[in-house]
Amino acid sequence: MKRKICIGIVMLAFVLSACAYNASMVQTSYKVLSISNLSYDTGMKVVADLDKRGLLPQDKKAEILVAARIFANAHNVAVMALVKYKETQNLADQELVEKQIALASEAIANLMLLITPYLLEK
């Protein structure tokens, strides 16, 4: 649990520092959301393949699917918040975007932590 929190904090720090050093917070946010969504898509393809080959226990599959839903919801809320911020350029909306991206980043990190052990097995 502590490792998951640390990964989430590191990802949040990455996002915030990227936003601080790039010219466009919106562009950086879109990139972060795009990369996390690509990671999600790839991870879910791996899960489907593992399940098809019978290498994924059903209890772990259920746990992964719950984590996947959490990420998908967090990601979608972050995208909606970013669209709103892009329209308003309001500081409160920017803070909401940063918070939602941090939640999505933590969620994708948790999902990848659940999938990774199956990638390391031979």
C-alpha atoms as a PDB file:
ATOM      1  CA  MET A   1       0.000   0.000   0.000  1.00  0.00           C
ATOM      2  CA  LYS A   2       2.822   2.365   0.905  1.00  0.00           C
ATOM      3  CA  ARG A   3       4.506   1.607  -2.437  1.00  0.00           C
ATOM      4  CA  LYS A   4       1.315   2.504  -4.315  1.00  0.00           C
ATOM      5  CA  ILE A   5       1.066   5.823  -2.492  1.00  0.00           C
ATOM      6  CA  CYS A   6       4.735   6.568  -3.240  1.00  0.00           C
ATOM      7  CA  ILE A   7       4.215   5.833  -6.933  1.00  0.00           C
ATOM      8  CA  GLY A   8       1.175   8.107  -6.972  1.00  0.00           C
ATOM      9  CA  ILE A   9       3.141  10.900  -5.310  1.00  0.00           C
ATOM     10  CA  VAL A  10       6.018  10.493  -7.769  1.00  0.00           C
ATOM     11  CA  MET A  11       3.597  10.612 -10.697  1.00  0.00           C
ATOM     12  CA  LEU A  12       1.904  13.692  -9.236  1.00  0.00           C
ATOM     13  CA  ALA A  13       5.288  15.375  -8.828  1.00  0.00           C
ATOM     14  CA  PHE A  14       6.083  14.529 -12.452  1.00  0.00           C
ATOM     15  CA  VAL A  15       2.821  16.014 -13.670  1.00  0.00           C
ATOM     16  CA  LEU A  16       3.167  19.167 -11.593  1.00  0.00           C
ATOM     17  CA  SER A  17       6.778  19.720 -12.596  1.00  0.00           C
ATOM     18  CA  ALA A  18       5.941  19.121 -16.240  1.00  0.00           C
ATOM     19  CA  CYS A  19       3.168  21.688 -15.996  1.00  0.00           C
ATOM     20  CA  ALA A  20       5.511  24.189 -14.361  1.00  0.00           C
ATOM     21  CA  TYR A  21       8.225  23.886 -17.009  1.00  0.00           C
ATOM     22  CA  ASN A  22       6.155  23.589 -20.152  1.00  0.00           C
ATOM     23  CA  ALA A  23       4.680  26.552 -21.941  1.00  0.00           C
ATOM     24  CA  SER A  24       1.216  25.052 -21.976  1.00  0.00           C
ATOM     25  CA  MET A  25      -0.419  23.338 -19.023  1.00  0.00           C
ATOM     26  CA  VAL A  26      -3.193  22.185 -21.341  1.00  0.00           C
ATOM     27  CA  GLN A  27      -0.786  20.559 -23.805  1.00  0.00           C
ATOM     28  CA  THR A  28       1.121  18.815 -21.020  1.00  0.00           C
ATOM     29  CA  SER A  29      -2.096  17.576 -19.444  1.00  0.00           C
ATOM     30  CA  TYR A  30      -3.304  16.150 -22.738  1.00  0.00           C
ATOM     31  CA  LYS A  31       0.013  14.347 -23.162  1.00  0.00           C
ATOM     32  CA  VAL A  32      -0.104  12.879 -19.644  1.00  0.00           C
ATOM     33  CA  LEU A  33      -3.700  11.740 -20.133  1.00  0.00           C
ATOM     34  CA  SER A  34      -2.909  10.306 -23.547  1.00  0.00           C
ATOM     35  CA  ILE A  35       0.073   8.327 -22.261  1.00  0.00           C
ATOM     36  CA  SER A  36      -1.856   7.000 -19.273  1.00  0.00           C
ATOM     37  CA  ASN A  37      -4.709   5.966 -21.562  1.00  0.00           C
ATOM     38  CA  LEU A  38      -2.271   4.193 -23.876  1.00  0.00           C
ATOM     39  CA  SER A  39      -0.848   2.367 -20.844  1.00  0.00           C
ATOM     40  CA  TYR A  40      -4.371   1.373 -19.855  1.00  0.00           C
ATOM     41  CA  ASP A  41      -5.178   0.072 -23.354  1.00  0.00           C
ATOM     42  CA  THR A  42      -1.947  -1.920 -23.511  1.00  0.00           C
ATOM     43  CA  GLY A  43      -2.420  -3.301 -20.010  1.00  0.00           C
ATOM     44  CA  MET A  44      -5.954  -4.410 -20.731  1.00  0.00           C
ATOM     45  CA  LYS A  45      -4.823  -6.163 -23.920  1.00  0.00           C
ATOM     46  CA  VAL A  46      -2.255  -8.026 -21.835  1.00  0.00           C
ATOM     47  CA  VAL A  47      -4.946  -8.955 -19.304  1.00  0.00           C
ATOM     48  CA  ALA A  48      -7.205 -10.245 -22.090  1.00  0.00           C
ATOM     49  CA  ASP A  49      -4.344 -12.312 -23.518  1.00  0.00           C
ATOM     50  CA  LEU A  50      -3.410 -13.748 -20.116  1.00  0.00           C
ATOM     51  CA  ASP A  51      -7.033 -14.597 -19.430  1.00  0.00           C
ATOM     52  CA  LYS A  52      -7.465 -16.222 -22.838  1.00  0.00           C
ATOM     53  CA  ARG A  53      -4.401 -18.407 -22.189  1.00  0.00           C
ATOM     54  CA  GLY A  54      -5.673 -19.358 -18.736  1.00  0.00           C
ATOM     55  CA  LEU A  55      -2.759 -17.703 -16.930  1.00  0.00           C
ATOM     56  CA  LEU A  56      -4.820 -15.255 -14.889  1.00  0.00           C
ATOM     57  CA  PRO A  57      -6.724 -16.495 -11.827  1.00  0.00           C
ATOM     58  CA  GLN A  58     -10.335 -15.286 -11.796  1.00  0.00           C
ATOM     59  CA  ASP A  59      -9.990 -13.528  -8.429  1.00  0.00           C
ATOM     60  CA  LYS A  60      -7.019 -11.533  -9.734  1.00  0.00           C
ATOM     61  CA  LYS A  61      -8.870 -10.795 -12.970  1.00  0.00           C
ATOM     62  CA  ALA A  62     -11.758  -9.364 -10.935  1.00  0.00           C
ATOM     63  CA  GLU A  63      -9.348  -7.247  -8.891  1.00  0.00           C
ATOM     64  CA  ILE A  64      -7.688  -5.958 -12.067  1.00  0.00           C
ATOM     65  CA  LEU A  65     -11.054  -5.100 -13.617  1.00  0.00           C
ATOM     66  CA  VAL A  66     -12.036  -3.089 -10.542  1.00  0.00           C
ATOM     67  CA  ALA A  67      -8.742  -1.162 -10.743  1.00  0.00           C
ATOM     68  CA  ALA A  68      -9.316  -0.663 -14.485  1.00  0.00           C
ATOM     69  CA  ARG A  69     -12.768   0.827 -13.841  1.00  0.00           C
ATOM     70  CA  ILE A  70     -11.319   3.161 -11.227  1.00  0.00           C
ATOM     71  CA  PHE A  71      -8.708   4.368 -13.715  1.00  0.00           C
ATOM     72  CA  ALA A  72     -11.233   4.768 -16.530  1.00  0.00           C
ATOM     73  CA  ASN A  73     -13.520   6.861 -14.327  1.00  0.00           C
ATOM     74  CA  ALA A  74     -10.645   9.014 -13.012  1.00  0.00           C
ATOM     75  CA  HIS A  75      -9.296   9.485 -16.534  1.00  0.00           C
ATOM     76  CA  ASN A  76     -12.684  10.517 -17.910  1.00  0.00           C
ATOM     77  CA  VAL A  77     -13.245  13.025 -15.118  1.00  0.00           C
ATOM     78  CA  ALA A  78      -9.751  14.446 -15.717  1.00  0.00           C
ATOM     79  CA  VAL A  79     -10.495  14.861 -19.431  1.00  0.00           C
ATOM     80  CA  MET A  80     -13.779  16.647 -18.678  1.00  0.00           C
ATOM     81  CA  ALA A  81     -12.022  18.898 -16.151  1.00  0.00           C
ATOM     82  CA  LEU A  82      -9.335  19.713 -18.709  1.00  0.00           C
ATOM     83  CA  VAL A  83     -11.923  20.630 -21.337  1.00  0.00           C
ATOM     84  CA  LYS A  84     -13.598  22.943 -18.816  1.00  0.00           C
ATOM     85  CA  TYR A  85     -10.263  24.512 -17.840  1.00  0.00           C
ATOM     86  CA  LYS A  86      -9.383  25.059 -21.477  1.00  0.00           C
ATOM     87  CA  GLU A  87     -12.582  27.064 -21.869  1.00  0.00           C
ATOM     88  CA  THR A  88     -12.401  29.054 -18.625  1.00  0.00           C
ATOM     89  CA  GLN A  89      -8.650  29.360 -17.857  1.00  0.00           C
ATOM     90  CA  ASN A  90      -9.812  29.654 -14.236  1.00  0.00           C
ATOM     91  CA  LEU A  91      -7.307  28.862 -11.463  1.00  0.00           C
ATOM     92  CA  ALA A  92      -9.850  26.747  -9.578  1.00  0.00           C
ATOM     93  CA  ASP A  93     -10.445  24.700 -12.734  1.00  0.00           C
ATOM     94  CA  GLN A  94      -6.686  24.307 -13.203  1.00  0.00           C
ATOM     95  CA  GLU A  95      -6.373  22.971  -9.656  1.00  0.00           C
ATOM     96  CA  LEU A  96      -9.200  20.530 -10.365  1.00  0.00           C
ATOM     97  CA  VAL A  97      -7.404  19.325 -13.498  1.00  0.00           C
ATOM     98  CA  GLU A  98      -4.194  18.783 -11.539  1.00  0.00           C
ATOM     99  CA  LYS A  99      -6.063  16.905  -8.802  1.00  0.00           C
ATOM    100  CA  GLN A 100      -7.887  14.682 -11.298  1.00  0.00           C
ATOM    101  CA  ILE A 101      -4.715  13.937 -13.233  1.00  0.00           C
ATOM    102  CA  ALA A 102      -3.045  12.964  -9.968  1.00  0.00           C
ATOM    103  CA  LEU A 103      -5.935  10.609  -9.182  1.00  0.00           C
ATOM    104  CA  ALA A 104      -5.783   9.106 -12.688  1.00  0.00           C
ATOM    105  CA  SER A 105      -2.008   8.717 -12.376  1.00  0.00           C
ATOM    106  CA  GLU A 106      -2.358   6.920  -9.065  1.00  0.00           C
ATOM    107  CA  ALA A 107      -5.080   4.704 -10.519  1.00  0.00           C
ATOM    108  CA  ILE A 108      -2.984   3.687 -13.550  1.00  0.00           C
ATOM    109  CA  ALA A 109      -0.024   2.995 -11.253  1.00  0.00           C
ATOM    110  CA  ASN A 110      -2.225   0.722  -9.113  1.00  0.00           C
ATOM    111  CA  LEU A 111      -3.501  -1.059 -12.209  1.00  0.00           C
ATOM    112  CA  MET A 112       0.004  -1.631 -13.550  1.00  0.00           C
ATOM    113  CA  LEU A 113       1.127  -2.952 -10.144  1.00  0.00           C
ATOM    114  CA  LEU A 114      -1.604  -5.580 -10.361  1.00  0.00           C
ATOM    115  CA  ILE A 115      -0.672  -6.607 -13.910  1.00  0.00           C
ATOM    116  CA  THR A 116       3.138  -6.550 -13.623  1.00  0.00           C
ATOM    117  CA  PRO A 117       3.606  -9.797 -11.627  1.00  0.00           C
ATOM    118  CA  TYR A 118       1.998 -11.749 -14.474  1.00  0.00           C
ATOM    119  CA  LEU A 119       4.373 -10.195 -16.976  1.00  0.00           C
ATOM    120  CA  LEU A 120       7.392 -11.351 -14.976  1.00  0.00           C
ATOM    121  CA  GLU A 121       6.282 -14.980 -14.776  1.00  0.00           C
ATOM    122  CA  LYS A 122       7.669 -17.415 -17.312  1.00  0.00           C
END
